[in-house]
Amino acid sequence: MVRKYFLQLFKQVLKLCIDKGMVSGRRQAVDSAYIKANASLDSLVEKEVMDDAQTYSDELMANDKGML
């Protein structure tokens, strides 16, 4: 039952991304891992998404260079 709702939510988010031009809509892949968390709402920290995206992109580029 939970899987049905997750799939429905995933499809809605994917459609929004396609409509906004964020992804092409031809082929998508998702990778995940179940991690038990014990997080408190009081410990949430707001982050600038573009800074994180740039850091992630830099790490990917560094990893690609190391594999060549």
PDB file of N, CA and C in Angstrom:
ATOM      1  N   MET A   1       0.819  -1.190   0.000  1.00  0.00           N
ATOM      2  CA  MET A   1       0.000   0.000   0.000  1.00  0.00           C
ATOM      3  C   MET A   1       0.869   1.263   0.000  1.00  0.00           C
ATOM      4  N   VAL A   2       1.923   1.289   0.826  1.00  0.00           N
ATOM      5  CA  VAL A   2       2.822   2.438   0.875  1.00  0.00           C
ATOM      6  C   VAL A   2       3.521   2.619  -0.467  1.00  0.00           C
ATOM      7  N   ARG A   3       3.898   1.503  -1.076  1.00  0.00           N
ATOM      8  CA  ARG A   3       4.578   1.573  -2.368  1.00  0.00           C
ATOM      9  C   ARG A   3       3.713   2.266  -3.415  1.00  0.00           C
ATOM     10  N   LYS A   4       2.420   2.009  -3.393  1.00  0.00           N
ATOM     11  CA  LYS A   4       1.492   2.626  -4.343  1.00  0.00           C
ATOM     12  C   LYS A   4       1.536   4.156  -4.214  1.00  0.00           C
ATOM     13  N   TYR A   5       1.530   4.650  -2.961  1.00  0.00           N
ATOM     14  CA  TYR A   5       1.543   6.090  -2.746  1.00  0.00           C
ATOM     15  C   TYR A   5       2.897   6.704  -3.094  1.00  0.00           C
ATOM     16  N   PHE A   6       3.978   5.974  -2.793  1.00  0.00           N
ATOM     17  CA  PHE A   6       5.302   6.464  -3.148  1.00  0.00           C
ATOM     18  C   PHE A   6       5.430   6.580  -4.664  1.00  0.00           C
ATOM     19  N   LEU A   7       4.982   5.567  -5.385  1.00  0.00           N
ATOM     20  CA  LEU A   7       5.058   5.590  -6.844  1.00  0.00           C
ATOM     21  C   LEU A   7       4.233   6.738  -7.407  1.00  0.00           C
ATOM     22  N   GLN A   8       3.074   6.965  -6.850  1.00  0.00           N
ATOM     23  CA  GLN A   8       2.208   8.064  -7.295  1.00  0.00           C
ATOM     24  C   GLN A   8       2.906   9.410  -7.052  1.00  0.00           C
ATOM     25  N   LEU A   9       3.510   9.579  -5.877  1.00  0.00           N
ATOM     26  CA  LEU A   9       4.229  10.813  -5.561  1.00  0.00           C
ATOM     27  C   LEU A   9       5.428  10.984  -6.491  1.00  0.00           C
ATOM     28  N   PHE A  10       6.172   9.902  -6.712  1.00  0.00           N
ATOM     29  CA  PHE A  10       7.332   9.963  -7.594  1.00  0.00           C
ATOM     30  C   PHE A  10       6.926  10.408  -9.001  1.00  0.00           C
ATOM     31  N   LYS A  11       5.849   9.846  -9.513  1.00  0.00           N
ATOM     32  CA  LYS A  11       5.376  10.214 -10.856  1.00  0.00           C
ATOM     33  C   LYS A  11       4.973  11.682 -10.922  1.00  0.00           C
ATOM     34  N   GLN A  12       4.341  12.184  -9.857  1.00  0.00           N
ATOM     35  CA  GLN A  12       3.939  13.594  -9.837  1.00  0.00           C
ATOM     36  C   GLN A  12       5.162  14.509  -9.832  1.00  0.00           C
ATOM     37  N   VAL A  13       6.147  14.173  -9.012  1.00  0.00           N
ATOM     38  CA  VAL A  13       7.366  14.989  -8.936  1.00  0.00           C
ATOM     39  C   VAL A  13       8.118  14.920 -10.263  1.00  0.00           C
ATOM     40  N   LEU A  14       8.217  13.744 -10.845  1.00  0.00           N
ATOM     41  CA  LEU A  14       8.899  13.586 -12.129  1.00  0.00           C
ATOM     42  C   LEU A  14       8.203  14.402 -13.211  1.00  0.00           C
ATOM     43  N   LYS A  15       6.883  14.388 -13.230  1.00  0.00           N
ATOM     44  CA  LYS A  15       6.133  15.175 -14.220  1.00  0.00           C
ATOM     45  C   LYS A  15       6.403  16.663 -14.041  1.00  0.00           C
ATOM     46  N   LEU A  16       6.439  17.128 -12.801  1.00  0.00           N
ATOM     47  CA  LEU A  16       6.747  18.538 -12.547  1.00  0.00           C
ATOM     48  C   LEU A  16       8.139  18.892 -13.055  1.00  0.00           C
ATOM     49  N   CYS A  17       9.105  17.996 -12.818  1.00  0.00           N
ATOM     50  CA  CYS A  17      10.472  18.227 -13.296  1.00  0.00           C
ATOM     51  C   CYS A  17      10.527  18.273 -14.819  1.00  0.00           C
ATOM     52  N   ILE A  18       9.803  17.388 -15.478  1.00  0.00           N
ATOM     53  CA  ILE A  18       9.753  17.369 -16.951  1.00  0.00           C
ATOM     54  C   ILE A  18       9.107  18.649 -17.461  1.00  0.00           C
ATOM     55  N   ASP A  19       7.985  19.041 -16.843  1.00  0.00           N
ATOM     56  CA  ASP A  19       7.274  20.254 -17.261  1.00  0.00           C
ATOM     57  C   ASP A  19       8.133  21.504 -17.114  1.00  0.00           C
ATOM     58  N   LYS A  20       9.004  21.531 -16.100  1.00  0.00           N
ATOM     59  CA  LYS A  20       9.879  22.685 -15.866  1.00  0.00           C
ATOM     60  C   LYS A  20      11.180  22.603 -16.660  1.00  0.00           C
ATOM     61  N   GLY A  21      11.370  21.516 -17.419  1.00  0.00           N
ATOM     62  CA  GLY A  21      12.570  21.366 -18.234  1.00  0.00           C
ATOM     63  C   GLY A  21      13.801  20.926 -17.455  1.00  0.00           C
ATOM     64  N   MET A  22      13.604  20.415 -16.254  1.00  0.00           N
ATOM     65  CA  MET A  22      14.733  19.992 -15.428  1.00  0.00           C
ATOM     66  C   MET A  22      15.291  18.646 -15.873  1.00  0.00           C
ATOM     67  N   VAL A  23      14.455  17.788 -16.452  1.00  0.00           N
ATOM     68  CA  VAL A  23      14.863  16.497 -16.995  1.00  0.00           C
ATOM     69  C   VAL A  23      14.153  16.308 -18.324  1.00  0.00           C
ATOM     70  N   SER A  24      14.699  15.419 -19.149  1.00  0.00           N
ATOM     71  CA  SER A  24      14.147  15.246 -20.489  1.00  0.00           C
ATOM     72  C   SER A  24      12.891  14.386 -20.516  1.00  0.00           C
ATOM     73  N   GLY A  25      12.773  13.476 -19.563  1.00  0.00           N
ATOM     74  CA  GLY A  25      11.596  12.612 -19.569  1.00  0.00           C
ATOM     75  C   GLY A  25      11.767  11.339 -20.362  1.00  0.00           C
ATOM     76  N   ARG A  26      12.952  11.143 -20.969  1.00  0.00           N
ATOM     77  CA  ARG A  26      13.169   9.934 -21.750  1.00  0.00           C
ATOM     78  C   ARG A  26      13.567   8.751 -20.886  1.00  0.00           C
ATOM     79  N   ARG A  27      14.601   8.897 -20.082  1.00  0.00           N
ATOM     80  CA  ARG A  27      15.054   7.796 -19.228  1.00  0.00           C
ATOM     81  C   ARG A  27      15.521   8.383 -17.902  1.00  0.00           C
ATOM     82  N   GLN A  28      15.002   7.845 -16.835  1.00  0.00           N
ATOM     83  CA  GLN A  28      15.364   8.322 -15.505  1.00  0.00           C
ATOM     84  C   GLN A  28      15.817   7.126 -14.672  1.00  0.00           C
ATOM     85  N   ALA A  29      16.746   7.359 -13.766  1.00  0.00           N
ATOM     86  CA  ALA A  29      17.214   6.312 -12.860  1.00  0.00           C
ATOM     87  C   ALA A  29      17.239   6.876 -11.447  1.00  0.00           C
ATOM     88  N   VAL A  30      16.906   6.032 -10.501  1.00  0.00           N
ATOM     89  CA  VAL A  30      16.897   6.440  -9.097  1.00  0.00           C
ATOM     90  C   VAL A  30      17.682   5.412  -8.310  1.00  0.00           C
ATOM     91  N   ASP A  31      18.531   5.888  -7.431  1.00  0.00           N
ATOM     92  CA  ASP A  31      19.303   5.015  -6.569  1.00  0.00           C
ATOM     93  C   ASP A  31      19.066   5.475  -5.142  1.00  0.00           C
ATOM     94  N   SER A  32      18.891   4.542  -4.247  1.00  0.00           N
ATOM     95  CA  SER A  32      18.645   4.939  -2.866  1.00  0.00           C
ATOM     96  C   SER A  32      19.100   3.847  -1.913  1.00  0.00           C
ATOM     97  N   ALA A  33      19.156   4.216  -0.662  1.00  0.00           N
ATOM     98  CA  ALA A  33      19.483   3.268   0.398  1.00  0.00           C
ATOM     99  C   ALA A  33      18.651   3.625   1.621  1.00  0.00           C
ATOM    100  N   TYR A  34      18.176   2.608   2.324  1.00  0.00           N
ATOM    101  CA  TYR A  34      17.400   2.830   3.533  1.00  0.00           C
ATOM    102  C   TYR A  34      18.367   3.107   4.674  1.00  0.00           C
ATOM    103  N   ILE A  35      18.207   4.261   5.298  1.00  0.00           N
ATOM    104  CA  ILE A  35      19.063   4.623   6.422  1.00  0.00           C
ATOM    105  C   ILE A  35      18.152   5.061   7.561  1.00  0.00           C
ATOM    106  N   LYS A  36      18.266   4.373   8.679  1.00  0.00           N
ATOM    107  CA  LYS A  36      17.483   4.743   9.842  1.00  0.00           C
ATOM    108  C   LYS A  36      18.037   6.053  10.393  1.00  0.00           C
ATOM    109  N   ALA A  37      17.163   6.995  10.651  1.00  0.00           N
ATOM    110  CA  ALA A  37      17.596   8.306  11.133  1.00  0.00           C
ATOM    111  C   ALA A  37      16.889   8.656  12.426  1.00  0.00           C
ATOM    112  N   ASN A  38      17.572   9.424  13.219  1.00  0.00           N
ATOM    113  CA  ASN A  38      17.007   9.920  14.459  1.00  0.00           C
ATOM    114  C   ASN A  38      17.251  11.427  14.462  1.00  0.00           C
ATOM    115  N   ALA A  39      16.531  12.130  13.621  1.00  0.00           N
ATOM    116  CA  ALA A  39      16.747  13.564  13.457  1.00  0.00           C
ATOM    117  C   ALA A  39      15.693  14.354  14.212  1.00  0.00           C
ATOM    118  N   SER A  40      16.101  15.485  14.692  1.00  0.00           N
ATOM    119  CA  SER A  40      15.199  16.384  15.402  1.00  0.00           C
ATOM    120  C   SER A  40      14.901  17.583  14.516  1.00  0.00           C
ATOM    121  N   LEU A  41      13.665  18.030  14.523  1.00  0.00           N
ATOM    122  CA  LEU A  41      13.316  19.220  13.751  1.00  0.00           C
ATOM    123  C   LEU A  41      14.077  20.437  14.255  1.00  0.00           C
ATOM    124  N   ASP A  42      14.473  20.425  15.522  1.00  0.00           N
ATOM    125  CA  ASP A  42      15.222  21.537  16.099  1.00  0.00           C
ATOM    126  C   ASP A  42      16.636  21.632  15.531  1.00  0.00           C
ATOM    127  N   SER A  43      17.145  20.532  14.974  1.00  0.00           N
ATOM    128  CA  SER A  43      18.515  20.526  14.469  1.00  0.00           C
ATOM    129  C   SER A  43      18.593  20.831  12.971  1.00  0.00           C
ATOM    130  N   LEU A  44      17.472  21.134  12.332  1.00  0.00           N
ATOM    131  CA  LEU A  44      17.479  21.432  10.904  1.00  0.00           C
ATOM    132  C   LEU A  44      18.257  22.707  10.617  1.00  0.00           C
ATOM    133  N   VAL A  45      19.022  22.689   9.539  1.00  0.00           N
ATOM    134  CA  VAL A  45      19.804  23.846   9.141  1.00  0.00           C
ATOM    135  C   VAL A  45      19.458  24.160   7.691  1.00  0.00           C
ATOM    136  N   GLU A  46      19.134  25.408   7.417  1.00  0.00           N
ATOM    137  CA  GLU A  46      18.815  25.815   6.053  1.00  0.00           C
ATOM    138  C   GLU A  46      20.106  25.935   5.259  1.00  0.00           C
ATOM    139  N   LYS A  47      20.111  25.378   4.048  1.00  0.00           N
ATOM    140  CA  LYS A  47      21.293  25.424   3.193  1.00  0.00           C
ATOM    141  C   LYS A  47      20.931  26.042   1.860  1.00  0.00           C
ATOM    142  N   GLU A  48      21.899  26.665   1.241  1.00  0.00           N
ATOM    143  CA  GLU A  48      21.728  27.220  -0.092  1.00  0.00           C
ATOM    144  C   GLU A  48      21.899  26.079  -1.090  1.00  0.00           C
ATOM    145  N   VAL A  49      20.848  25.772  -1.823  1.00  0.00           N
ATOM    146  CA  VAL A  49      20.860  24.615  -2.713  1.00  0.00           C
ATOM    147  C   VAL A  49      21.909  24.751  -3.808  1.00  0.00           C
ATOM    148  N   MET A  50      22.057  25.922  -4.361  1.00  0.00           N
ATOM    149  CA  MET A  50      23.010  26.081  -5.457  1.00  0.00           C
ATOM    150  C   MET A  50      24.444  25.848  -4.980  1.00  0.00           C
ATOM    151  N   ASP A  51      24.778  26.241  -3.751  1.00  0.00           N
ATOM    152  CA  ASP A  51      26.113  25.968  -3.227  1.00  0.00           C
ATOM    153  C   ASP A  51      26.333  24.464  -3.125  1.00  0.00           C
ATOM    154  N   ASP A  52      25.340  23.746  -2.608  1.00  0.00           N
ATOM    155  CA  ASP A  52      25.458  22.297  -2.481  1.00  0.00           C
ATOM    156  C   ASP A  52      25.561  21.645  -3.859  1.00  0.00           C
ATOM    157  N   ALA A  53      24.798  22.139  -4.810  1.00  0.00           N
ATOM    158  CA  ALA A  53      24.821  21.575  -6.157  1.00  0.00           C
ATOM    159  C   ALA A  53      26.202  21.753  -6.790  1.00  0.00           C
ATOM    160  N   GLN A  54      26.807  22.915  -6.577  1.00  0.00           N
ATOM    161  CA  GLN A  54      28.136  23.168  -7.139  1.00  0.00           C
ATOM    162  C   GLN A  54      29.170  22.255  -6.499  1.00  0.00           C
ATOM    163  N   THR A  55      29.094  22.077  -5.185  1.00  0.00           N
ATOM    164  CA  THR A  55      30.021  21.191  -4.483  1.00  0.00           C
ATOM    165  C   THR A  55      29.882  19.767  -5.002  1.00  0.00           C
ATOM    166  N   TYR A  56      28.646  19.316  -5.152  1.00  0.00           N
ATOM    167  CA  TYR A  56      28.392  17.965  -5.646  1.00  0.00           C
ATOM    168  C   TYR A  56      28.931  17.810  -7.067  1.00  0.00           C
ATOM    169  N   SER A  57      28.691  18.803  -7.891  1.00  0.00           N
ATOM    170  CA  SER A  57      29.181  18.754  -9.269  1.00  0.00           C
ATOM    171  C   SER A  57      30.704  18.696  -9.301  1.00  0.00           C
ATOM    172  N   ASP A  58      31.352  19.487  -8.436  1.00  0.00           N
ATOM    173  CA  ASP A  58      32.825  19.476  -8.371  1.00  0.00           C
ATOM    174  C   ASP A  58      33.343  18.102  -7.952  1.00  0.00           C
ATOM    175  N   GLU A  59      32.671  17.484  -6.971  1.00  0.00           N
ATOM    176  CA  GLU A  59      33.076  16.148  -6.520  1.00  0.00           C
ATOM    177  C   GLU A  59      32.918  15.123  -7.640  1.00  0.00           C
ATOM    178  N   LEU A  60      31.832  15.216  -8.402  1.00  0.00           N
ATOM    179  CA  LEU A  60      31.630  14.295  -9.520  1.00  0.00           C
ATOM    180  C   LEU A  60      32.725  14.445 -10.556  1.00  0.00           C
ATOM    181  N   MET A  61      33.072  15.685 -10.880  1.00  0.00           N
ATOM    182  CA  MET A  61      34.119  15.931 -11.874  1.00  0.00           C
ATOM    183  C   MET A  61      35.461  15.378 -11.381  1.00  0.00           C
ATOM    184  N   ALA A  62      35.773  15.558 -10.112  1.00  0.00           N
ATOM    185  CA  ALA A  62      37.027  15.056  -9.549  1.00  0.00           C
ATOM    186  C   ALA A  62      37.051  13.527  -9.605  1.00  0.00           C
ATOM    187  N   ASN A  63      35.929  12.899  -9.305  1.00  0.00           N
ATOM    188  CA  ASN A  63      35.864  11.435  -9.368  1.00  0.00           C
ATOM    189  C   ASN A  63      36.019  10.941 -10.792  1.00  0.00           C
ATOM    190  N   ASP A  64      35.426  11.640 -11.755  1.00  0.00           N
ATOM    191  CA  ASP A  64      35.558  11.244 -13.160  1.00  0.00           C
ATOM    192  C   ASP A  64      37.007  11.316 -13.615  1.00  0.00           C
ATOM    193  N   LYS A  65      37.707  12.358 -13.215  1.00  0.00           N
ATOM    194  CA  LYS A  65      39.109  12.508 -13.606  1.00  0.00           C
ATOM    195  C   LYS A  65      39.965  11.405 -13.007  1.00  0.00           C
ATOM    196  N   GLY A  66      39.627  10.981 -11.796  1.00  0.00           N
ATOM    197  CA  GLY A  66      40.385   9.918 -11.141  1.00  0.00           C
ATOM    198  C   GLY A  66      40.174   8.561 -11.770  1.00  0.00           C
ATOM    199  N   MET A  67      39.075   8.381 -12.496  1.00  0.00           N
ATOM    200  CA  MET A  67      38.778   7.081 -13.101  1.00  0.00           C
ATOM    201  C   MET A  67      39.326   6.952 -14.507  1.00  0.00           C
ATOM    202  N   LEU A  68      39.794   8.054 -15.089  1.00  0.00           N
ATOM    203  CA  LEU A  68      40.315   7.997 -16.468  1.00  0.00           C
ATOM    204  C   LEU A  68      41.701   7.468 -16.542  1.00  0.00           C
TER     205      LEU A  68
END
